[in-house]
């Protein structure tokens, strides 16, 4: 019975997300651990933004990581260069452009973050930071402390 309620909780989370993105440019893919929410981002660089959500029903918690795959095309006379990139972690960016028909296109990576967190909050789930984000925060703090140490050292050296 306890296992069934965990499966029900995961299914309800997935169903709510699926209903929320129905008819939009987002595509939801259920995975063994949760789901991926995928959207194609139009602009100078073609991007596929994947919000990978891993659910932990025993803790009623989830982690969310962004995986952004980008492709750029640079046409030189006589040849076309293609560049590809992949980043993962937490990506926050906004893209605005004009569609060929003249309408304006806007994408904010924060919109899906808010959607996922909103559904989680309604269902009583809490967000845990993925390991990649924890590591990035650790390096950021370490780098900040090194920078402060260098500034203090320079201040002392030039003061004397």
C-alpha atoms as a PDB file:
ATOM      1  CA  UNK A   1       0.000   0.000   0.000  1.00  0.00           C
ATOM      2  CA  UNK A   2       2.801   2.461   0.874  1.00  0.00           C
ATOM      3  CA  UNK A   3       4.431   1.727  -2.519  1.00  0.00           C
ATOM      4  CA  UNK A   4       1.138   2.390  -4.275  1.00  0.00           C
ATOM      5  CA  UNK A   5       0.764   5.787  -2.607  1.00  0.00           C
ATOM      6  CA  UNK A   6       4.286   6.740  -3.744  1.00  0.00           C
ATOM      7  CA  UNK A   7       3.432   5.746  -7.301  1.00  0.00           C
ATOM      8  CA  UNK A   8       0.183   7.729  -7.031  1.00  0.00           C
ATOM      9  CA  UNK A   9       2.088  10.809  -5.831  1.00  0.00           C
ATOM     10  CA  UNK A  10       4.541  10.571  -8.752  1.00  0.00           C
ATOM     11  CA  UNK A  11       1.698   9.976 -11.201  1.00  0.00           C
ATOM     12  CA  UNK A  12      -0.251  12.961  -9.877  1.00  0.00           C
ATOM     13  CA  UNK A  13       2.801  15.231 -10.195  1.00  0.00           C
ATOM     14  CA  UNK A  14       3.418  14.040 -13.756  1.00  0.00           C
ATOM     15  CA  UNK A  15      -0.280  14.328 -14.688  1.00  0.00           C
ATOM     16  CA  UNK A  16      -0.463  17.913 -13.395  1.00  0.00           C
ATOM     17  CA  UNK A  17       2.603  18.967 -15.375  1.00  0.00           C
ATOM     18  CA  UNK A  18       1.294  17.225 -18.490  1.00  0.00           C
ATOM     19  CA  UNK A  19      -2.058  19.021 -18.169  1.00  0.00           C
ATOM     20  CA  UNK A  20      -0.348  22.378 -17.578  1.00  0.00           C
ATOM     21  CA  UNK A  21       1.737  22.171 -20.771  1.00  0.00           C
ATOM     22  CA  UNK A  22      -0.964  20.676 -23.015  1.00  0.00           C
ATOM     23  CA  UNK A  23      -1.315  22.776 -26.151  1.00  0.00           C
ATOM     24  CA  UNK A  24       1.942  24.681 -25.530  1.00  0.00           C
ATOM     25  CA  UNK A  25       5.357  24.382 -27.139  1.00  0.00           C
ATOM     26  CA  UNK A  26       6.571  22.238 -24.211  1.00  0.00           C
ATOM     27  CA  UNK A  27       6.771  18.470 -24.593  1.00  0.00           C
ATOM     28  CA  UNK A  28       6.696  16.252 -21.534  1.00  0.00           C
ATOM     29  CA  UNK A  29       8.480  12.901 -21.427  1.00  0.00           C
ATOM     30  CA  UNK A  30       7.985  10.611 -18.441  1.00  0.00           C
ATOM     31  CA  UNK A  31      11.168   8.960 -17.214  1.00  0.00           C
ATOM     32  CA  UNK A  32      11.850   6.229 -14.684  1.00  0.00           C
ATOM     33  CA  UNK A  33      12.734   8.804 -12.022  1.00  0.00           C
ATOM     34  CA  UNK A  34      10.378  11.638 -12.935  1.00  0.00           C
ATOM     35  CA  UNK A  35      10.043  13.519 -16.199  1.00  0.00           C
ATOM     36  CA  UNK A  36      11.740  15.755 -18.746  1.00  0.00           C
ATOM     37  CA  UNK A  37      10.058  18.931 -19.938  1.00  0.00           C
ATOM     38  CA  UNK A  38      11.502  19.864 -23.339  1.00  0.00           C
ATOM     39  CA  UNK A  39      11.084  23.027 -25.415  1.00  0.00           C
ATOM     40  CA  UNK A  40      12.727  24.272 -28.607  1.00  0.00           C
ATOM     41  CA  UNK A  41      13.991  27.837 -28.248  1.00  0.00           C
ATOM     42  CA  UNK A  42      14.154  29.983 -31.384  1.00  0.00           C
ATOM     43  CA  UNK A  43      16.655  32.761 -31.863  1.00  0.00           C
ATOM     44  CA  UNK A  44      20.089  33.337 -33.377  1.00  0.00           C
ATOM     45  CA  UNK A  45      21.141  30.048 -31.842  1.00  0.00           C
ATOM     46  CA  UNK A  46      18.800  27.072 -31.983  1.00  0.00           C
ATOM     47  CA  UNK A  47      18.453  25.597 -28.495  1.00  0.00           C
ATOM     48  CA  UNK A  48      16.688  22.632 -27.013  1.00  0.00           C
ATOM     49  CA  UNK A  49      16.067  23.326 -23.329  1.00  0.00           C
ATOM     50  CA  UNK A  50      15.321  20.277 -21.191  1.00  0.00           C
ATOM     51  CA  UNK A  51      14.135  20.611 -17.604  1.00  0.00           C
ATOM     52  CA  UNK A  52      15.093  17.267 -16.036  1.00  0.00           C
ATOM     53  CA  UNK A  53      13.034  16.613 -12.912  1.00  0.00           C
ATOM     54  CA  UNK A  54      13.898  13.670 -10.665  1.00  0.00           C
ATOM     55  CA  UNK A  55      11.227  12.812  -8.121  1.00  0.00           C
ATOM     56  CA  UNK A  56      11.927  11.260  -4.719  1.00  0.00           C
ATOM     57  CA  UNK A  57       8.493  10.155  -3.544  1.00  0.00           C
ATOM     58  CA  UNK A  58       9.745   8.704  -0.249  1.00  0.00           C
ATOM     59  CA  UNK A  59      10.904  12.204   0.758  1.00  0.00           C
ATOM     60  CA  UNK A  60       8.202  14.023  -1.240  1.00  0.00           C
ATOM     61  CA  UNK A  61      11.067  15.986  -2.782  1.00  0.00           C
ATOM     62  CA  UNK A  62      12.421  16.654  -6.259  1.00  0.00           C
ATOM     63  CA  UNK A  63      15.521  17.976  -7.989  1.00  0.00           C
ATOM     64  CA  UNK A  64      15.485  20.006 -11.165  1.00  0.00           C
ATOM     65  CA  UNK A  65      18.393  20.486 -13.564  1.00  0.00           C
ATOM     66  CA  UNK A  66      18.499  22.286 -16.899  1.00  0.00           C
ATOM     67  CA  UNK A  67      20.167  20.714 -19.902  1.00  0.00           C
ATOM     68  CA  UNK A  68      20.581  23.131 -22.806  1.00  0.00           C
ATOM     69  CA  UNK A  69      21.749  21.863 -26.194  1.00  0.00           C
ATOM     70  CA  UNK A  70      22.649  24.624 -28.622  1.00  0.00           C
ATOM     71  CA  UNK A  71      23.437  24.649 -32.320  1.00  0.00           C
ATOM     72  CA  UNK A  72      24.830  27.674 -34.152  1.00  0.00           C
ATOM     73  CA  UNK A  73      25.215  28.059 -37.877  1.00  0.00           C
ATOM     74  CA  UNK A  74      27.829  30.413 -39.291  1.00  0.00           C
ATOM     75  CA  UNK A  75      27.788  30.676 -43.076  1.00  0.00           C
ATOM     76  CA  UNK A  76      31.053  31.747 -44.709  1.00  0.00           C
ATOM     77  CA  UNK A  77      31.365  32.003 -48.469  1.00  0.00           C
ATOM     78  CA  UNK A  78      31.932  28.465 -49.696  1.00  0.00           C
ATOM     79  CA  UNK A  79      31.322  26.648 -46.408  1.00  0.00           C
ATOM     80  CA  UNK A  80      28.951  26.403 -43.472  1.00  0.00           C
ATOM     81  CA  UNK A  81      30.279  25.953 -39.941  1.00  0.00           C
ATOM     82  CA  UNK A  82      28.154  24.311 -37.310  1.00  0.00           C
ATOM     83  CA  UNK A  83      28.865  24.724 -33.609  1.00  0.00           C
ATOM     84  CA  UNK A  84      27.305  22.605 -30.901  1.00  0.00           C
ATOM     85  CA  UNK A  85      27.226  23.119 -27.156  1.00  0.00           C
ATOM     86  CA  UNK A  86      25.725  21.391 -24.139  1.00  0.00           C
ATOM     87  CA  UNK A  87      25.406  22.864 -20.674  1.00  0.00           C
ATOM     88  CA  UNK A  88      23.771  21.465 -17.582  1.00  0.00           C
ATOM     89  CA  UNK A  89      22.999  22.794 -14.147  1.00  0.00           C
ATOM     90  CA  UNK A  90      20.701  25.774 -13.729  1.00  0.00           C
ATOM     91  CA  UNK A  91      20.297  28.062 -16.752  1.00  0.00           C
ATOM     92  CA  UNK A  92      18.483  31.359 -16.565  1.00  0.00           C
ATOM     93  CA  UNK A  93      18.135  33.347 -19.774  1.00  0.00           C
ATOM     94  CA  UNK A  94      15.611  35.202 -21.927  1.00  0.00           C
ATOM     95  CA  UNK A  95      15.431  35.079 -25.724  1.00  0.00           C
ATOM     96  CA  UNK A  96      13.462  37.597 -27.767  1.00  0.00           C
ATOM     97  CA  UNK A  97      13.281  37.624 -31.545  1.00  0.00           C
ATOM     98  CA  UNK A  98      10.925  38.133 -34.449  1.00  0.00           C
ATOM     99  CA  UNK A  99       9.304  35.268 -36.289  1.00  0.00           C
ATOM    100  CA  UNK A 100       9.365  35.292 -40.112  1.00  0.00           C
ATOM    101  CA  UNK A 101       5.738  36.486 -40.089  1.00  0.00           C
ATOM    102  CA  UNK A 102       6.730  39.549 -38.019  1.00  0.00           C
ATOM    103  CA  UNK A 103       5.269  38.412 -34.695  1.00  0.00           C
ATOM    104  CA  UNK A 104       7.428  38.700 -31.611  1.00  0.00           C
ATOM    105  CA  UNK A 105       8.833  35.577 -29.943  1.00  0.00           C
ATOM    106  CA  UNK A 106       9.849  35.547 -26.271  1.00  0.00           C
ATOM    107  CA  UNK A 107      11.184  32.699 -24.175  1.00  0.00           C
ATOM    108  CA  UNK A 108      12.235  32.821 -20.532  1.00  0.00           C
ATOM    109  CA  UNK A 109      13.790  29.741 -18.980  1.00  0.00           C
ATOM    110  CA  UNK A 110      12.368  30.843 -15.616  1.00  0.00           C
ATOM    111  CA  UNK A 111       8.766  30.254 -16.779  1.00  0.00           C
ATOM    112  CA  UNK A 112       9.023  26.451 -16.625  1.00  0.00           C
ATOM    113  CA  UNK A 113      10.923  26.656 -13.327  1.00  0.00           C
ATOM    114  CA  UNK A 114       7.951  28.571 -11.884  1.00  0.00           C
ATOM    115  CA  UNK A 115       5.467  26.101 -13.394  1.00  0.00           C
ATOM    116  CA  UNK A 116       7.229  23.050 -11.932  1.00  0.00           C
ATOM    117  CA  UNK A 117       7.731  24.683  -8.531  1.00  0.00           C
ATOM    118  CA  UNK A 118       4.089  25.821  -8.471  1.00  0.00           C
ATOM    119  CA  UNK A 119       2.773  22.308  -9.090  1.00  0.00           C
ATOM    120  CA  UNK A 120       5.202  20.941  -6.492  1.00  0.00           C
ATOM    121  CA  UNK A 121       4.049  23.496  -3.909  1.00  0.00           C
ATOM    122  CA  UNK A 122       0.367  22.650  -4.548  1.00  0.00           C
ATOM    123  CA  UNK A 123       1.105  18.960  -3.987  1.00  0.00           C
ATOM    124  CA  UNK A 124       3.281  19.519  -0.888  1.00  0.00           C
ATOM    125  CA  UNK A 125       6.623  18.601  -2.518  1.00  0.00           C
ATOM    126  CA  UNK A 126       9.876  20.414  -1.745  1.00  0.00           C
ATOM    127  CA  UNK A 127      12.837  21.121  -4.009  1.00  0.00           C
ATOM    128  CA  UNK A 128      16.331  19.822  -3.307  1.00  0.00           C
ATOM    129  CA  UNK A 129      19.362  21.273  -5.061  1.00  0.00           C
ATOM    130  CA  UNK A 130      20.999  18.900  -7.556  1.00  0.00           C
ATOM    131  CA  UNK A 131      24.628  18.005  -6.925  1.00  0.00           C
ATOM    132  CA  UNK A 132      25.850  20.098  -9.864  1.00  0.00           C
ATOM    133  CA  UNK A 133      24.271  23.227  -8.366  1.00  0.00           C
ATOM    134  CA  UNK A 134      25.742  22.479  -4.926  1.00  0.00           C
ATOM    135  CA  UNK A 135      29.203  22.067  -6.478  1.00  0.00           C
ATOM    136  CA  UNK A 136      28.824  25.325  -8.425  1.00  0.00           C
ATOM    137  CA  UNK A 137      27.793  27.192  -5.264  1.00  0.00           C
ATOM    138  CA  UNK A 138      30.789  25.711  -3.415  1.00  0.00           C
ATOM    139  CA  UNK A 139      33.204  26.855  -6.132  1.00  0.00           C
ATOM    140  CA  UNK A 140      31.550  30.281  -6.180  1.00  0.00           C
ATOM    141  CA  UNK A 141      31.973  30.690  -2.427  1.00  0.00           C
ATOM    142  CA  UNK A 142      35.574  29.462  -2.599  1.00  0.00           C
ATOM    143  CA  UNK A 143      36.352  31.865  -5.469  1.00  0.00           C
ATOM    144  CA  UNK A 144      34.758  34.741  -3.568  1.00  0.00           C
ATOM    145  CA  UNK A 145      36.821  34.011  -0.470  1.00  0.00           C
ATOM    146  CA  UNK A 146      40.029  33.843  -2.541  1.00  0.00           C
ATOM    147  CA  UNK A 147      39.115  37.170  -4.158  1.00  0.00           C
ATOM    148  CA  UNK A 148      38.479  38.808  -0.784  1.00  0.00           C
ATOM    149  CA  UNK A 149      41.790  37.394   0.513  1.00  0.00           C
ATOM    150  CA  UNK A 150      43.659  38.849  -2.464  1.00  0.00           C
ATOM    151  CA  UNK A 151      42.019  42.255  -1.978  1.00  0.00           C
ATOM    152  CA  UNK A 152      42.821  42.284   1.733  1.00  0.00           C
ATOM    153  CA  UNK A 153      46.418  41.251   0.969  1.00  0.00           C
ATOM    154  CA  UNK A 154      46.774  44.015  -1.626  1.00  0.00           C
ATOM    155  CA  UNK A 155      45.260  46.578   0.757  1.00  0.00           C
ATOM    156  CA  UNK A 156      47.748  45.594   3.489  1.00  0.00           C
ATOM    157  CA  UNK A 157      50.677  45.593   1.036  1.00  0.00           C
ATOM    158  CA  UNK A 158      49.883  49.063  -0.309  1.00  0.00           C
ATOM    159  CA  UNK A 159      48.947  50.469   3.103  1.00  0.00           C
ATOM    160  CA  UNK A 160      52.364  49.699   4.578  1.00  0.00           C
END
